[in-house]
Amino acid sequence: MTAISALSNSLSGIQKGLEGAKRNAAEIASKDQFTQQDPSSLAKSMVELKGNTLQVKASAKAFEIISDAIGSIINIKV
């Protein structure tokens, strides 16, 4: 895996996590949540939101680590 593809994968993970979080937030804020008798769909959306949040954090950390490594390589070469 090249550094560029690793950065690309990290950005893709961030994007997917943000899209999922946006979807989960819309589900949680939906008026349908207030009319349902079964809270399981709300709980599912909240758990998925937490998972998407963790995905964004992990992908951002991976991006940071890869970026720092690239910066170190550039500093060594120069």
PDB file of N, CA and C in Angstrom:
ATOM      1  N   MET A   1       0.850  -1.174   0.000  1.00  0.00           N
ATOM      2  CA  MET A   1       0.000   0.000   0.000  1.00  0.00           C
ATOM      3  C   MET A   1       0.894   1.235   0.000  1.00  0.00           C
ATOM      4  N   THR A   2       0.635   2.125  -0.896  1.00  0.00           N
ATOM      5  CA  THR A   2       1.402   3.359  -0.953  1.00  0.00           C
ATOM      6  C   THR A   2       0.822   4.372   0.030  1.00  0.00           C
ATOM      7  N   ALA A   3       1.599   5.382   0.325  1.00  0.00           N
ATOM      8  CA  ALA A   3       1.147   6.415   1.250  1.00  0.00           C
ATOM      9  C   ALA A   3      -0.072   7.148   0.695  1.00  0.00           C
ATOM     10  N   ILE A   4      -0.084   7.341  -0.615  1.00  0.00           N
ATOM     11  CA  ILE A   4      -1.223   8.050  -1.232  1.00  0.00           C
ATOM     12  C   ILE A   4      -2.503   7.234  -1.091  1.00  0.00           C
ATOM     13  N   SER A   5      -2.420   5.923  -1.334  1.00  0.00           N
ATOM     14  CA  SER A   5      -3.624   5.108  -1.202  1.00  0.00           C
ATOM     15  C   SER A   5      -4.052   5.009   0.259  1.00  0.00           C
ATOM     16  N   ALA A   6      -3.094   5.009   1.181  1.00  0.00           N
ATOM     17  CA  ALA A   6      -3.442   4.992   2.600  1.00  0.00           C
ATOM     18  C   ALA A   6      -4.163   6.284   2.994  1.00  0.00           C
ATOM     19  N   LEU A   7      -3.682   7.411   2.494  1.00  0.00           N
ATOM     20  CA  LEU A   7      -4.370   8.678   2.756  1.00  0.00           C
ATOM     21  C   LEU A   7      -5.762   8.682   2.144  1.00  0.00           C
ATOM     22  N   SER A   8      -5.862   8.135   0.949  1.00  0.00           N
ATOM     23  CA  SER A   8      -7.156   8.059   0.266  1.00  0.00           C
ATOM     24  C   SER A   8      -8.139   7.185   1.048  1.00  0.00           C
ATOM     25  N   ASN A   9      -7.642   6.056   1.552  1.00  0.00           N
ATOM     26  CA  ASN A   9      -8.498   5.175   2.347  1.00  0.00           C
ATOM     27  C   ASN A   9      -8.947   5.854   3.636  1.00  0.00           C
ATOM     28  N   SER A  10      -8.055   6.607   4.249  1.00  0.00           N
ATOM     29  CA  SER A  10      -8.410   7.336   5.468  1.00  0.00           C
ATOM     30  C   SER A  10      -9.491   8.370   5.187  1.00  0.00           C
ATOM     31  N   LEU A  11      -9.321   9.109   4.111  1.00  0.00           N
ATOM     32  CA  LEU A  11     -10.331  10.110   3.739  1.00  0.00           C
ATOM     33  C   LEU A  11     -11.666   9.453   3.415  1.00  0.00           C
ATOM     34  N   SER A  12     -11.618   8.304   2.761  1.00  0.00           N
ATOM     35  CA  SER A  12     -12.839   7.574   2.443  1.00  0.00           C
ATOM     36  C   SER A  12     -13.545   7.128   3.724  1.00  0.00           C
ATOM     37  N   GLY A  13     -12.762   6.665   4.704  1.00  0.00           N
ATOM     38  CA  GLY A  13     -13.345   6.275   5.983  1.00  0.00           C
ATOM     39  C   GLY A  13     -13.996   7.435   6.698  1.00  0.00           C
ATOM     40  N   ILE A  14     -13.354   8.593   6.642  1.00  0.00           N
ATOM     41  CA  ILE A  14     -13.933   9.791   7.252  1.00  0.00           C
ATOM     42  C   ILE A  14     -15.247  10.145   6.567  1.00  0.00           C
ATOM     43  N   GLN A  15     -15.232  10.122   5.238  1.00  0.00           N
ATOM     44  CA  GLN A  15     -16.432  10.478   4.477  1.00  0.00           C
ATOM     45  C   GLN A  15     -17.581   9.512   4.761  1.00  0.00           C
ATOM     46  N   LYS A  16     -17.302   8.215   4.773  1.00  0.00           N
ATOM     47  CA  LYS A  16     -18.356   7.228   5.040  1.00  0.00           C
ATOM     48  C   LYS A  16     -18.913   7.383   6.445  1.00  0.00           C
ATOM     49  N   GLY A  17     -18.016   7.647   7.410  1.00  0.00           N
ATOM     50  CA  GLY A  17     -18.474   7.851   8.780  1.00  0.00           C
ATOM     51  C   GLY A  17     -19.351   9.080   8.923  1.00  0.00           C
ATOM     52  N   LEU A  18     -18.972  10.164   8.251  1.00  0.00           N
ATOM     53  CA  LEU A  18     -19.779  11.394   8.311  1.00  0.00           C
ATOM     54  C   LEU A  18     -21.131  11.213   7.637  1.00  0.00           C
ATOM     55  N   GLU A  19     -21.141  10.493   6.512  1.00  0.00           N
ATOM     56  CA  GLU A  19     -22.415  10.233   5.831  1.00  0.00           C
ATOM     57  C   GLU A  19     -23.327   9.387   6.716  1.00  0.00           C
ATOM     58  N   GLY A  20     -22.754   8.371   7.350  1.00  0.00           N
ATOM     59  CA  GLY A  20     -23.543   7.530   8.250  1.00  0.00           C
ATOM     60  C   GLY A  20     -24.052   8.310   9.445  1.00  0.00           C
ATOM     61  N   ALA A  21     -23.211   9.160  10.016  1.00  0.00           N
ATOM     62  CA  ALA A  21     -23.618   9.973  11.163  1.00  0.00           C
ATOM     63  C   ALA A  21     -24.741  10.933  10.779  1.00  0.00           C
ATOM     64  N   LYS A  22     -24.655  11.488   9.577  1.00  0.00           N
ATOM     65  CA  LYS A  22     -25.713  12.387   9.104  1.00  0.00           C
ATOM     66  C   LYS A  22     -27.037  11.637   8.977  1.00  0.00           C
ATOM     67  N   ARG A  23     -26.954  10.433   8.433  1.00  0.00           N
ATOM     68  CA  ARG A  23     -28.161   9.604   8.292  1.00  0.00           C
ATOM     69  C   ARG A  23     -28.728   9.252   9.665  1.00  0.00           C
ATOM     70  N   ASN A  24     -27.855   8.854  10.590  1.00  0.00           N
ATOM     71  CA  ASN A  24     -28.302   8.500  11.938  1.00  0.00           C
ATOM     72  C   ASN A  24     -28.927   9.687  12.652  1.00  0.00           C
ATOM     73  N   ALA A  25     -28.323  10.861  12.522  1.00  0.00           N
ATOM     74  CA  ALA A  25     -28.873  12.056  13.160  1.00  0.00           C
ATOM     75  C   ALA A  25     -30.264  12.379  12.625  1.00  0.00           C
ATOM     76  N   ALA A  26     -30.445  12.201  11.316  1.00  0.00           N
ATOM     77  CA  ALA A  26     -31.761  12.447  10.725  1.00  0.00           C
ATOM     78  C   ALA A  26     -32.785  11.446  11.251  1.00  0.00           C
ATOM     79  N   GLU A  27     -32.356  10.196  11.409  1.00  0.00           N
ATOM     80  CA  GLU A  27     -33.269   9.176  11.948  1.00  0.00           C
ATOM     81  C   GLU A  27     -33.646   9.490  13.396  1.00  0.00           C
ATOM     82  N   ILE A  28     -32.662   9.909  14.180  1.00  0.00           N
ATOM     83  CA  ILE A  28     -32.918  10.224  15.587  1.00  0.00           C
ATOM     84  C   ILE A  28     -33.842  11.431  15.714  1.00  0.00           C
ATOM     85  N   ALA A  29     -33.653  12.433  14.859  1.00  0.00           N
ATOM     86  CA  ALA A  29     -34.455  13.653  14.926  1.00  0.00           C
ATOM     87  C   ALA A  29     -35.805  13.520  14.226  1.00  0.00           C
ATOM     88  N   SER A  30     -36.035  12.415  13.576  1.00  0.00           N
ATOM     89  CA  SER A  30     -37.268  12.215  12.816  1.00  0.00           C
ATOM     90  C   SER A  30     -38.503  12.271  13.717  1.00  0.00           C
ATOM     91  N   LYS A  31     -39.553  12.857  13.185  1.00  0.00           N
ATOM     92  CA  LYS A  31     -40.804  12.915  13.950  1.00  0.00           C
ATOM     93  C   LYS A  31     -41.376  11.525  14.159  1.00  0.00           C
ATOM     94  N   ASP A  32     -40.994  10.567  13.314  1.00  0.00           N
ATOM     95  CA  ASP A  32     -41.480   9.199  13.454  1.00  0.00           C
ATOM     96  C   ASP A  32     -41.007   8.566  14.762  1.00  0.00           C
ATOM     97  N   GLN A  33     -39.893   9.034  15.289  1.00  0.00           N
ATOM     98  CA  GLN A  33     -39.386   8.500  16.547  1.00  0.00           C
ATOM     99  C   GLN A  33     -40.351   8.777  17.700  1.00  0.00           C
ATOM    100  N   PHE A  34     -41.087   9.866  17.604  1.00  0.00           N
ATOM    101  CA  PHE A  34     -41.993  10.239  18.689  1.00  0.00           C
ATOM    102  C   PHE A  34     -43.330   9.526  18.617  1.00  0.00           C
ATOM    103  N   THR A  35     -43.641   8.954  17.470  1.00  0.00           N
ATOM    104  CA  THR A  35     -44.928   8.278  17.314  1.00  0.00           C
ATOM    105  C   THR A  35     -44.813   6.763  17.447  1.00  0.00           C
ATOM    106  N   GLN A  36     -43.608   6.241  17.509  1.00  0.00           N
ATOM    107  CA  GLN A  36     -43.428   4.793  17.603  1.00  0.00           C
ATOM    108  C   GLN A  36     -43.555   4.324  19.052  1.00  0.00           C
ATOM    109  N   GLN A  37     -44.140   3.164  19.207  1.00  0.00           N
ATOM    110  CA  GLN A  37     -44.264   2.568  20.529  1.00  0.00           C
ATOM    111  C   GLN A  37     -42.996   1.805  20.917  1.00  0.00           C
ATOM    112  N   ASP A  38     -42.264   1.320  19.912  1.00  0.00           N
ATOM    113  CA  ASP A  38     -41.073   0.512  20.142  1.00  0.00           C
ATOM    114  C   ASP A  38     -39.826   1.380  20.008  1.00  0.00           C
ATOM    115  N   PRO A  39     -39.056   1.540  21.069  1.00  0.00           N
ATOM    116  CA  PRO A  39     -37.870   2.403  21.011  1.00  0.00           C
ATOM    117  C   PRO A  39     -36.645   1.737  20.376  1.00  0.00           C
ATOM    118  N   SER A  40     -36.800   0.519  19.854  1.00  0.00           N
ATOM    119  CA  SER A  40     -35.636  -0.196  19.335  1.00  0.00           C
ATOM    120  C   SER A  40     -35.009   0.506  18.128  1.00  0.00           C
ATOM    121  N   SER A  41     -35.809   1.152  17.280  1.00  0.00           N
ATOM    122  CA  SER A  41     -35.229   1.834  16.126  1.00  0.00           C
ATOM    123  C   SER A  41     -34.418   3.055  16.567  1.00  0.00           C
ATOM    124  N   LEU A  42     -34.860   3.723  17.630  1.00  0.00           N
ATOM    125  CA  LEU A  42     -34.105   4.848  18.168  1.00  0.00           C
ATOM    126  C   LEU A  42     -32.780   4.355  18.750  1.00  0.00           C
ATOM    127  N   ALA A  43     -32.841   3.263  19.482  1.00  0.00           N
ATOM    128  CA  ALA A  43     -31.620   2.703  20.069  1.00  0.00           C
ATOM    129  C   ALA A  43     -30.657   2.265  18.974  1.00  0.00           C
ATOM    130  N   LYS A  44     -31.179   1.662  17.924  1.00  0.00           N
ATOM    131  CA  LYS A  44     -30.336   1.219  16.813  1.00  0.00           C
ATOM    132  C   LYS A  44     -29.636   2.418  16.170  1.00  0.00           C
ATOM    133  N   SER A  45     -30.369   3.481  15.931  1.00  0.00           N
ATOM    134  CA  SER A  45     -29.793   4.685  15.332  1.00  0.00           C
ATOM    135  C   SER A  45     -28.725   5.290  16.225  1.00  0.00           C
ATOM    136  N   MET A  46     -28.942   5.274  17.522  1.00  0.00           N
ATOM    137  CA  MET A  46     -27.972   5.846  18.455  1.00  0.00           C
ATOM    138  C   MET A  46     -26.694   5.003  18.508  1.00  0.00           C
ATOM    139  N   VAL A  47     -26.838   3.689  18.483  1.00  0.00           N
ATOM    140  CA  VAL A  47     -25.670   2.808  18.476  1.00  0.00           C
ATOM    141  C   VAL A  47     -24.887   2.976  17.174  1.00  0.00           C
ATOM    142  N   GLU A  48     -25.599   3.052  16.050  1.00  0.00           N
ATOM    143  CA  GLU A  48     -24.932   3.257  14.763  1.00  0.00           C
ATOM    144  C   GLU A  48     -24.234   4.613  14.717  1.00  0.00           C
ATOM    145  N   LEU A  49     -24.836   5.628  15.319  1.00  0.00           N
ATOM    146  CA  LEU A  49     -24.211   6.951  15.383  1.00  0.00           C
ATOM    147  C   LEU A  49     -22.891   6.879  16.138  1.00  0.00           C
ATOM    148  N   LYS A  50     -22.875   6.163  17.236  1.00  0.00           N
ATOM    149  CA  LYS A  50     -21.642   6.006  18.001  1.00  0.00           C
ATOM    150  C   LYS A  50     -20.586   5.271  17.163  1.00  0.00           C
ATOM    151  N   GLY A  51     -21.012   4.238  16.447  1.00  0.00           N
ATOM    152  CA  GLY A  51     -20.081   3.515  15.572  1.00  0.00           C
ATOM    153  C   GLY A  51     -19.528   4.397  14.472  1.00  0.00           C
ATOM    154  N   ASN A  52     -20.359   5.211  13.880  1.00  0.00           N
ATOM    155  CA  ASN A  52     -19.901   6.128  12.831  1.00  0.00           C
ATOM    156  C   ASN A  52     -18.967   7.184  13.391  1.00  0.00           C
ATOM    157  N   THR A  53     -19.228   7.634  14.609  1.00  0.00           N
ATOM    158  CA  THR A  53     -18.340   8.588  15.259  1.00  0.00           C
ATOM    159  C   THR A  53     -16.956   7.981  15.471  1.00  0.00           C
ATOM    160  N   LEU A  54     -16.932   6.742  15.927  1.00  0.00           N
ATOM    161  CA  LEU A  54     -15.657   6.049  16.127  1.00  0.00           C
ATOM    162  C   LEU A  54     -14.918   5.834  14.809  1.00  0.00           C
ATOM    163  N   GLN A  55     -15.671   5.559  13.745  1.00  0.00           N
ATOM    164  CA  GLN A  55     -15.044   5.381  12.433  1.00  0.00           C
ATOM    165  C   GLN A  55     -14.362   6.673  11.985  1.00  0.00           C
ATOM    166  N   VAL A  56     -15.028   7.797  12.171  1.00  0.00           N
ATOM    167  CA  VAL A  56     -14.439   9.085  11.783  1.00  0.00           C
ATOM    168  C   VAL A  56     -13.184   9.363  12.606  1.00  0.00           C
ATOM    169  N   LYS A  57     -13.257   9.123  13.912  1.00  0.00           N
ATOM    170  CA  LYS A  57     -12.095   9.370  14.771  1.00  0.00           C
ATOM    171  C   LYS A  57     -10.920   8.478  14.390  1.00  0.00           C
ATOM    172  N   ALA A  58     -11.187   7.204  14.145  1.00  0.00           N
ATOM    173  CA  ALA A  58     -10.112   6.271  13.788  1.00  0.00           C
ATOM    174  C   ALA A  58      -9.505   6.628  12.436  1.00  0.00           C
ATOM    175  N   SER A  59     -10.345   6.974  11.485  1.00  0.00           N
ATOM    176  CA  SER A  59      -9.847   7.343  10.160  1.00  0.00           C
ATOM    177  C   SER A  59      -9.042   8.635  10.212  1.00  0.00           C
ATOM    178  N   ALA A  60      -9.491   9.582  11.025  1.00  0.00           N
ATOM    179  CA  ALA A  60      -8.751  10.843  11.171  1.00  0.00           C
ATOM    180  C   ALA A  60      -7.396  10.597  11.835  1.00  0.00           C
ATOM    181  N   LYS A  61      -7.351   9.713  12.810  1.00  0.00           N
ATOM    182  CA  LYS A  61      -6.091   9.383  13.464  1.00  0.00           C
ATOM    183  C   LYS A  61      -5.144   8.691  12.484  1.00  0.00           C
ATOM    184  N   ALA A  62      -5.679   7.772  11.677  1.00  0.00           N
ATOM    185  CA  ALA A  62      -4.848   7.104  10.667  1.00  0.00           C
ATOM    186  C   ALA A  62      -4.301   8.128   9.678  1.00  0.00           C
ATOM    187  N   PHE A  63      -5.128   9.063   9.252  1.00  0.00           N
ATOM    188  CA  PHE A  63      -4.690  10.114   8.336  1.00  0.00           C
ATOM    189  C   PHE A  63      -3.564  10.927   8.963  1.00  0.00           C
ATOM    190  N   GLU A  64      -3.726  11.275  10.226  1.00  0.00           N
ATOM    191  CA  GLU A  64      -2.706  12.062  10.928  1.00  0.00           C
ATOM    192  C   GLU A  64      -1.375  11.305  11.000  1.00  0.00           C
ATOM    193  N   ILE A  65      -1.438  10.030  11.325  1.00  0.00           N
ATOM    194  CA  ILE A  65      -0.219   9.230  11.442  1.00  0.00           C
ATOM    195  C   ILE A  65       0.487   9.113  10.087  1.00  0.00           C
ATOM    196  N   ILE A  66      -0.274   8.839   9.042  1.00  0.00           N
ATOM    197  CA  ILE A  66       0.305   8.709   7.700  1.00  0.00           C
ATOM    198  C   ILE A  66       0.898  10.037   7.248  1.00  0.00           C
ATOM    199  N   SER A  67       0.185  11.114   7.503  1.00  0.00           N
ATOM    200  CA  SER A  67       0.664  12.444   7.124  1.00  0.00           C
ATOM    201  C   SER A  67       1.961  12.779   7.853  1.00  0.00           C
ATOM    202  N   ASP A  68       2.020  12.467   9.140  1.00  0.00           N
ATOM    203  CA  ASP A  68       3.250  12.710   9.907  1.00  0.00           C
ATOM    204  C   ASP A  68       4.406  11.881   9.368  1.00  0.00           C
ATOM    205  N   ALA A  69       4.125  10.632   9.003  1.00  0.00           N
ATOM    206  CA  ALA A  69       5.174   9.764   8.458  1.00  0.00           C
ATOM    207  C   ALA A  69       5.704  10.317   7.139  1.00  0.00           C
ATOM    208  N   ILE A  70       4.812  10.781   6.303  1.00  0.00           N
ATOM    209  CA  ILE A  70       5.228  11.377   5.032  1.00  0.00           C
ATOM    210  C   ILE A  70       6.075  12.624   5.293  1.00  0.00           C
ATOM    211  N   GLY A  71       5.649  13.437   6.247  1.00  0.00           N
ATOM    212  CA  GLY A  71       6.412  14.632   6.599  1.00  0.00           C
ATOM    213  C   GLY A  71       7.799  14.286   7.104  1.00  0.00           C
ATOM    214  N   SER A  72       7.909  13.228   7.895  1.00  0.00           N
ATOM    215  CA  SER A  72       9.222  12.789   8.393  1.00  0.00           C
ATOM    216  C   SER A  72      10.111  12.319   7.269  1.00  0.00           C
ATOM    217  N   ILE A  73       9.537  11.586   6.334  1.00  0.00           N
ATOM    218  CA  ILE A  73      10.319  11.101   5.181  1.00  0.00           C
ATOM    219  C   ILE A  73      10.821  12.269   4.365  1.00  0.00           C
ATOM    220  N   ILE A  74       9.971  13.247   4.161  1.00  0.00           N
ATOM    221  CA  ILE A  74      10.381  14.431   3.383  1.00  0.00           C
ATOM    222  C   ILE A  74      11.501  15.168   4.097  1.00  0.00           C
ATOM    223  N   ASN A  75      11.388  15.303   5.428  1.00  0.00           N
ATOM    224  CA  ASN A  75      12.435  15.990   6.197  1.00  0.00           C
ATOM    225  C   ASN A  75      13.763  15.239   6.135  1.00  0.00           C
ATOM    226  N   ILE A  76      13.706  13.917   6.136  1.00  0.00           N
ATOM    227  CA  ILE A  76      14.929  13.110   6.077  1.00  0.00           C
ATOM    228  C   ILE A  76      15.596  13.253   4.707  1.00  0.00           C
ATOM    229  N   LYS A  77      14.772  13.261   3.662  1.00  0.00           N
ATOM    230  CA  LYS A  77      15.299  13.334   2.298  1.00  0.00           C
ATOM    231  C   LYS A  77      15.892  14.705   1.984  1.00  0.00           C
ATOM    232  N   VAL A  78      15.371  15.747   2.621  1.00  0.00           N
ATOM    233  CA  VAL A  78      15.813  17.109   2.320  1.00  0.00           C
ATOM    234  C   VAL A  78      17.022  17.450   3.076  1.00  0.00           C
TER     235      VAL A  78
END
